[in-house]
Amino acid sequence: MTQNPRWLTDDQQQLWQDLLTVVIALPTLLDRQLTRDSGLSNFEYSVLARLSMSDERTIRLSELAAACNCTLPRLSKVMARFEQHAWVTRRPDPENGRFTLGTLTDLGMEKVVDSAPGHVERVRQLVFDPLTRAQQLALRTPLAVAAQEIRSLLSDDEAVQTESSKSSARSR
């Protein structure tokens, strides 16, 4: 690379280090609480919670994977485990058979309802209680902007990977 790197300022470096701590440590702390109290990982809880918030507790698995920032194979493994517990069902999408729908069962909804209070309390303790209302509001817009950029890049990367996979399959 012939360009000089754009180094972070001291203030940016401090912000970056604090953000890294939150991004890396927060899921670990949430995992500990959920595993202890519900036998779920933070990721697994996220999958169940997103299903519970979907219309009729049903969503295409490709959309669920995108919402949970995971790959379809990872989601498929979790869904198989959830099916063993009768928390979810999977079936082809009647509107387009190329897609699979995941549905949260009544038993799965019970799992979410039982797991939610401890999880929400831990989120409050770690994220919201340390901040004033004004600080929370001040974070909303910049985090939304950064999150949108990241989601967009993830979506672009997924599209490129999907197209690359199709090309590889055609060339075989």
Protein backbone atom coordinates (compact mmCIF):
# COMPACT_ATOMS: atom_id res chain seq x y z
CA MET A 1 0.00 0.00 0.00
CA THR A 2 1.53 3.30 -1.05
CA GLN A 3 -0.89 5.58 0.84
CA ASN A 4 -0.23 6.71 4.37
CA PRO A 5 -2.76 5.16 6.74
CA ARG A 6 -5.32 7.45 8.33
CA TRP A 7 -4.45 6.79 11.97
CA LEU A 8 -7.03 7.31 14.67
CA THR A 9 -6.77 10.40 16.82
CA ASP A 10 -6.30 9.87 20.55
CA ASP A 11 -10.01 10.56 21.11
CA GLN A 12 -10.99 8.15 18.34
CA GLN A 13 -8.66 5.50 19.72
CA GLN A 14 -10.27 5.78 23.16
CA LEU A 15 -13.75 5.60 21.64
CA TRP A 16 -12.70 2.59 19.57
CA GLN A 17 -11.29 0.76 22.58
CA ASP A 18 -14.46 1.44 24.58
CA LEU A 19 -16.61 0.24 21.66
CA LEU A 20 -14.52 -2.93 21.36
CA THR A 21 -15.05 -3.64 25.05
CA VAL A 22 -18.80 -3.28 24.64
CA VAL A 23 -18.97 -5.27 21.39
CA ILE A 24 -16.82 -8.12 22.67
CA ALA A 25 -17.67 -8.29 26.38
CA LEU A 26 -21.41 -7.55 26.27
CA PRO A 27 -22.36 -10.76 24.39
CA THR A 28 -20.17 -12.76 26.77
CA LEU A 29 -21.91 -11.33 29.83
CA LEU A 30 -25.35 -11.86 28.25
CA ASP A 31 -24.38 -15.44 27.35
CA ARG A 32 -23.42 -16.14 30.96
CA GLN A 33 -26.75 -14.85 32.31
CA LEU A 34 -28.88 -16.63 29.72
CA THR A 35 -26.96 -19.91 29.98
CA ARG A 36 -27.23 -19.86 33.77
CA ASP A 37 -30.90 -18.90 33.88
CA SER A 38 -32.35 -20.44 30.71
CA GLY A 39 -29.86 -22.83 29.15
CA LEU A 40 -29.70 -20.60 26.04
CA SER A 41 -26.89 -18.65 24.45
CA ASN A 42 -27.41 -14.98 23.66
CA PHE A 43 -27.58 -15.92 19.97
CA GLU A 44 -30.20 -18.63 20.60
CA TYR A 45 -32.28 -16.23 22.67
CA SER A 46 -32.02 -13.67 19.86
CA VAL A 47 -33.37 -16.20 17.36
CA LEU A 48 -36.32 -17.12 19.59
CA ALA A 49 -37.04 -13.48 20.45
CA ARG A 50 -37.03 -12.41 16.80
CA LEU A 51 -39.39 -15.25 15.95
CA SER A 52 -41.67 -14.16 18.80
CA MET A 53 -41.80 -10.62 17.39
CA SER A 54 -42.58 -11.73 13.82
CA ASP A 55 -46.10 -11.69 12.39
CA GLU A 56 -47.79 -14.89 13.48
CA ARG A 57 -44.43 -15.85 15.04
CA THR A 58 -43.30 -16.95 11.54
CA ILE A 59 -40.49 -15.68 9.31
CA ARG A 60 -38.43 -16.85 6.36
CA LEU A 61 -35.21 -18.34 7.66
CA SER A 62 -33.15 -16.24 5.25
CA GLU A 63 -34.69 -13.09 6.77
CA LEU A 64 -34.19 -14.45 10.29
CA ALA A 65 -30.53 -15.18 9.54
CA ALA A 66 -30.03 -11.65 8.25
CA ALA A 67 -31.78 -10.16 11.29
CA CYS A 68 -29.59 -12.25 13.61
CA ASN A 69 -26.41 -11.53 11.61
CA CYS A 70 -25.67 -15.19 11.05
CA THR A 71 -25.27 -17.63 8.21
CA LEU A 72 -28.06 -19.96 7.13
CA PRO A 73 -26.01 -23.05 8.11
CA ARG A 74 -25.53 -21.71 11.65
CA LEU A 75 -29.21 -20.87 11.92
CA SER A 76 -30.17 -24.28 10.54
CA LYS A 77 -28.19 -26.02 13.31
CA VAL A 78 -29.92 -23.93 15.97
CA MET A 79 -33.33 -24.53 14.41
CA ALA A 80 -32.70 -28.30 14.39
CA ARG A 81 -31.91 -28.13 18.11
CA PHE A 82 -35.02 -26.02 18.72
CA GLU A 83 -37.14 -28.53 16.78
CA GLN A 84 -35.92 -31.28 19.13
CA HIS A 85 -37.31 -29.22 22.03
CA ALA A 86 -40.53 -28.54 20.04
CA TRP A 87 -39.86 -24.79 20.24
CA VAL A 88 -40.03 -24.25 16.47
CA THR A 89 -41.28 -25.86 13.30
CA ARG A 90 -39.96 -25.47 9.76
CA ARG A 91 -41.86 -25.82 6.51
CA PRO A 92 -41.56 -24.69 2.89
CA ASP A 93 -42.90 -21.21 2.19
CA PRO A 94 -46.19 -21.74 0.32
CA GLU A 95 -45.62 -18.48 -1.60
CA ASN A 96 -42.18 -19.56 -2.82
CA GLY A 97 -40.98 -23.11 -2.21
CA ARG A 98 -37.33 -22.05 -2.48
CA PHE A 99 -37.67 -20.50 0.98
CA THR A 100 -38.23 -22.13 4.35
CA LEU A 101 -40.43 -20.65 7.06
CA GLY A 102 -39.65 -20.97 10.74
CA THR A 103 -42.49 -20.74 13.25
CA LEU A 104 -42.23 -20.37 17.00
CA THR A 105 -44.51 -22.89 18.71
CA ASP A 106 -46.49 -22.24 21.88
CA LEU A 107 -43.81 -24.16 23.79
CA GLY A 108 -41.15 -21.96 22.18
CA MET A 109 -43.09 -18.86 23.17
CA GLU A 110 -43.16 -20.14 26.75
CA LYS A 111 -39.35 -20.45 26.59
CA VAL A 112 -39.07 -16.82 25.42
CA VAL A 113 -41.49 -15.58 28.08
CA ASP A 114 -39.62 -17.50 30.80
CA SER A 115 -36.20 -16.30 29.59
CA ALA A 116 -37.04 -12.67 28.88
CA PRO A 117 -37.28 -11.12 32.38
CA GLY A 118 -33.75 -12.10 33.46
CA HIS A 119 -32.32 -11.17 30.08
CA VAL A 120 -34.01 -7.77 29.99
CA GLU A 121 -32.84 -7.05 33.54
CA ARG A 122 -29.26 -7.89 32.58
CA VAL A 123 -29.47 -5.68 29.47
CA ARG A 124 -30.77 -2.84 31.64
CA GLN A 125 -27.92 -3.33 34.15
CA LEU A 126 -25.20 -3.43 31.50
CA VAL A 127 -26.44 -0.95 28.89
CA PHE A 128 -29.12 1.40 30.14
CA ASP A 129 -28.63 1.86 33.89
CA PRO A 130 -25.10 3.31 33.55
CA LEU A 131 -26.39 5.97 31.12
CA THR A 132 -28.65 8.95 31.68
CA ARG A 133 -31.73 9.29 29.49
CA ALA A 134 -29.97 12.08 27.59
CA GLN A 135 -26.92 9.84 26.98
CA GLN A 136 -29.18 7.06 25.72
CA LEU A 137 -30.88 9.44 23.30
CA ALA A 138 -27.53 10.84 22.18
CA LEU A 139 -26.33 7.33 21.26
CA ARG A 140 -29.43 6.45 19.23
CA THR A 141 -28.64 8.24 15.96
CA PRO A 142 -24.90 7.56 15.69
CA LEU A 143 -25.35 3.87 16.55
CA ALA A 144 -28.19 3.58 14.03
CA VAL A 145 -26.02 5.14 11.32
CA ALA A 146 -23.07 2.82 12.06
CA ALA A 147 -25.37 -0.21 12.31
CA GLN A 148 -27.00 0.59 8.97
CA GLU A 149 -23.60 0.85 7.29
CA ILE A 150 -22.54 -2.48 8.76
CA ARG A 151 -25.83 -4.18 7.79
CA SER A 152 -25.46 -2.83 4.26
CA LEU A 153 -21.92 -4.17 3.95
CA LEU A 154 -22.97 -7.55 5.36
CA SER A 155 -25.83 -7.67 2.89
CA ASP A 156 -23.50 -6.75 0.01
CA ASP A 157 -20.99 -9.42 1.12
CA GLU A 158 -23.74 -12.03 1.32
CA ALA A 159 -24.94 -11.16 -2.18
CA VAL A 160 -21.41 -11.45 -3.55
CA GLN A 161 -20.87 -14.79 -1.78
CA THR A 162 -24.20 -16.13 -3.05
CA GLU A 163 -23.41 -15.08 -6.62
CA SER A 164 -19.91 -16.55 -6.30
CA SER A 165 -21.37 -19.84 -5.06
CA LYS A 166 -23.81 -19.95 -7.98
CA SER A 167 -20.97 -19.27 -10.44
CA SER A 168 -18.85 -22.00 -8.91
CA ALA A 169 -21.72 -24.46 -9.09
CA ARG A 170 -22.38 -23.62 -12.74
CA SER A 171 -18.73 -24.10 -13.67
CA ARG A 172 -18.59 -27.62 -12.25
